[in-house]
Amino acid sequence: MRDPVANAFTVEVPVGWDSVAYSSDQFDVHRNVVSSVSPDGSTVMFVGDPRLPFYWEPSGVTDIFRKTVDVVDFYEIKVFEPMESYLPEYVTGKFGGLPEFEIEGVGPEPELLAQIEGSLIAGAGFSASTAEVRFSYAASGSTINALVVGWALNGGTA
């Protein structure tokens, strides 16, 4: 399917699933968002979160850029945090209100890290961090098992 908002990207989604894809923009910050639900409703996949900020390392931020951060909702000034510590906080904030929510495990995602380092950031001077968080919650009398995988790039300071 193609992004109907800005025609900015295409994505393959499972045939027969209820899917939506769109762009979320504010100034120069662009987000791709995709969500798909299986026909029986037992599986949900999502890519992107329009509420997740772009973080900027404090030591590289100028006074002018600090004023931009006050205007752009997507920008936040924060020291880089590896995904194995950041992602559980994110998952708890996003899903922690579900009944009987419990984080089952947190760990690295070495295969994803190798892909990112080999293709996306090779020679760019960035470092990457990946993690996965497995969690469970209760719904309709059953325990639902879930997985969130995340990655971040650290560009350091300017």
Protein backbone atom coordinates (compact mmCIF):
# COMPACT_ATOMS: atom_id res chain seq x y z
CA MET A 1 0.00 0.00 0.00
CA ARG A 2 1.02 3.61 -0.55
CA ASP A 3 0.98 6.41 2.01
CA PRO A 4 -2.22 8.33 1.15
CA VAL A 5 -1.24 11.51 3.02
CA ALA A 6 2.00 12.56 1.35
CA ASN A 7 2.62 9.73 -1.11
CA ALA A 8 5.99 9.53 0.68
CA PHE A 9 6.44 5.77 0.92
CA THR A 10 5.08 2.37 0.02
CA VAL A 11 4.97 -0.65 2.28
CA GLU A 12 4.06 -4.30 1.88
CA VAL A 13 1.39 -5.45 4.33
CA PRO A 14 -0.20 -8.89 4.70
CA VAL A 15 -2.95 -9.55 2.16
CA GLY A 16 -6.40 -9.60 3.75
CA TRP A 17 -5.35 -7.77 6.91
CA ASP A 18 -6.93 -4.48 7.99
CA SER A 19 -4.06 -2.06 7.33
CA VAL A 20 -3.41 1.66 7.40
CA ALA A 21 -0.31 3.62 6.38
CA TYR A 22 0.23 7.37 6.63
CA SER A 23 2.78 10.12 7.12
CA SER A 24 3.03 12.30 10.17
CA ASP A 25 4.96 15.54 9.68
CA GLN A 26 5.90 18.62 11.60
CA PHE A 27 8.34 20.95 9.85
CA ASP A 28 11.34 18.82 8.78
CA VAL A 29 10.48 15.82 10.98
CA HIS A 30 8.79 13.07 8.97
CA ARG A 31 7.32 9.86 10.37
CA ASN A 32 6.09 6.79 8.53
CA VAL A 33 3.32 5.00 10.42
CA VAL A 34 1.91 1.58 9.50
CA SER A 35 -0.54 -0.61 11.39
CA SER A 36 -1.97 -4.01 10.40
CA VAL A 37 -4.46 -6.26 12.19
CA SER A 38 -4.96 -9.90 11.22
CA PRO A 39 -8.46 -10.93 10.08
CA ASP A 40 -9.12 -12.76 13.36
CA GLY A 41 -7.77 -9.84 15.42
CA SER A 42 -5.19 -12.00 17.18
CA THR A 43 -2.13 -10.28 15.68
CA VAL A 44 -1.34 -6.58 15.47
CA MET A 45 1.79 -5.21 13.82
CA PHE A 46 2.83 -1.58 13.88
CA VAL A 47 5.77 0.40 12.56
CA GLY A 48 6.43 3.91 13.75
CA ASP A 49 4.89 6.02 16.47
CA PRO A 50 4.02 9.62 15.63
CA ARG A 51 4.33 10.58 19.31
CA LEU A 52 7.92 9.34 19.67
CA PRO A 53 10.31 12.33 19.79
CA PHE A 54 13.47 12.99 17.83
CA TYR A 55 16.11 13.31 20.52
CA TRP A 56 19.07 15.67 20.33
CA GLU A 57 22.26 15.29 22.38
CA PRO A 58 22.42 18.28 24.81
CA SER A 59 26.10 19.04 24.29
CA GLY A 60 25.56 19.67 20.58
CA VAL A 61 22.51 21.93 20.86
CA THR A 62 22.83 25.67 20.17
CA ASP A 63 20.69 28.38 21.79
CA ILE A 64 18.88 28.91 18.48
CA PHE A 65 18.05 25.22 18.24
CA ARG A 66 16.78 25.22 21.85
CA LYS A 67 14.16 27.76 20.69
CA THR A 68 13.21 25.40 17.85
CA VAL A 69 12.74 22.58 20.36
CA ASP A 70 10.19 24.76 22.17
CA VAL A 71 8.15 25.04 18.93
CA VAL A 72 8.52 21.56 17.39
CA ASP A 73 6.60 18.92 19.36
CA PHE A 74 8.73 16.08 17.98
CA TYR A 75 12.06 17.44 19.26
CA GLU A 76 13.43 16.73 22.70
CA ILE A 77 16.87 17.35 24.19
CA LYS A 78 18.13 14.27 26.00
CA VAL A 79 21.36 12.32 26.49
CA PHE A 80 21.48 9.22 24.26
CA GLU A 81 20.14 6.16 26.04
CA PRO A 82 20.79 2.60 24.77
CA MET A 83 17.63 0.82 23.61
CA GLU A 84 17.90 -1.88 26.29
CA SER A 85 17.16 0.79 28.90
CA TYR A 86 14.98 3.14 26.79
CA LEU A 87 12.64 0.59 25.20
CA PRO A 88 11.19 -0.90 28.43
CA GLU A 89 10.28 2.62 29.56
CA TYR A 90 8.65 3.31 26.19
CA VAL A 91 6.71 0.02 26.22
CA THR A 92 5.52 0.64 29.78
CA GLY A 93 4.39 4.15 28.85
CA LYS A 94 2.55 2.97 25.74
CA PHE A 95 1.08 -0.34 26.96
CA GLY A 96 1.44 -0.28 30.76
CA GLY A 97 -2.23 0.59 31.30
CA LEU A 98 -3.39 -2.72 29.83
CA PRO A 99 -4.84 -5.19 32.36
CA GLU A 100 -2.21 -7.40 34.01
CA PHE A 101 0.57 -5.79 31.97
CA GLU A 102 3.94 -7.37 32.73
CA ILE A 103 7.33 -7.13 31.05
CA GLU A 104 8.54 -10.70 30.49
CA GLY A 105 12.01 -9.96 29.13
CA VAL A 106 14.36 -7.39 27.62
CA GLY A 107 17.31 -8.19 25.42
CA PRO A 108 19.45 -7.13 22.50
CA GLU A 109 18.53 -7.63 18.84
CA PRO A 110 21.92 -8.56 17.33
CA GLU A 111 20.61 -9.48 13.86
CA LEU A 112 18.84 -6.14 13.47
CA LEU A 113 21.92 -4.34 14.79
CA ALA A 114 24.11 -6.08 12.20
CA GLN A 115 21.71 -5.06 9.41
CA ILE A 116 21.66 -1.44 10.54
CA GLU A 117 25.41 -1.25 10.95
CA GLY A 118 26.00 -2.97 7.62
CA SER A 119 23.68 -0.93 5.47
CA LEU A 120 22.20 2.14 7.11
CA ILE A 121 25.14 3.64 8.97
CA ALA A 122 28.20 2.07 7.37
CA GLY A 123 30.87 4.78 7.26
CA ALA A 124 28.51 7.51 8.51
CA GLY A 125 30.12 7.92 11.93
CA PHE A 126 26.95 6.92 13.80
CA SER A 127 26.47 4.17 16.33
CA ALA A 128 23.29 2.12 16.69
CA SER A 129 21.47 0.43 19.52
CA THR A 130 18.75 -2.24 19.30
CA ALA A 131 16.57 -4.13 21.76
CA GLU A 132 13.42 -6.17 22.09
CA VAL A 133 10.87 -6.16 24.89
CA ARG A 134 8.54 -9.10 25.42
CA PHE A 135 5.47 -8.41 27.50
CA SER A 136 2.08 -9.83 28.30
CA TYR A 137 -1.34 -8.52 29.27
CA ALA A 138 -4.85 -9.85 29.77
CA ALA A 139 -7.65 -9.50 27.20
CA SER A 140 -10.96 -11.35 26.91
CA GLY A 141 -9.96 -13.84 29.60
CA SER A 142 -6.69 -14.78 27.89
CA THR A 143 -3.04 -13.83 28.28
CA ILE A 144 -1.75 -11.98 25.24
CA ASN A 145 1.98 -12.20 24.50
CA ALA A 146 3.53 -9.24 22.70
CA LEU A 147 6.87 -8.13 21.29
CA VAL A 148 8.21 -4.65 20.56
CA VAL A 149 11.51 -4.27 18.71
CA GLY A 150 13.24 -0.92 18.56
CA TRP A 151 16.38 0.71 17.25
CA ALA A 152 18.06 4.08 17.62
CA LEU A 153 20.91 5.90 15.96
CA ASN A 154 23.38 7.99 17.89
CA GLY A 155 24.88 10.69 15.73
CA GLY A 156 26.79 12.21 18.64
CA THR A 157 27.22 15.94 18.69
CA ALA A 158 27.64 18.37 15.81
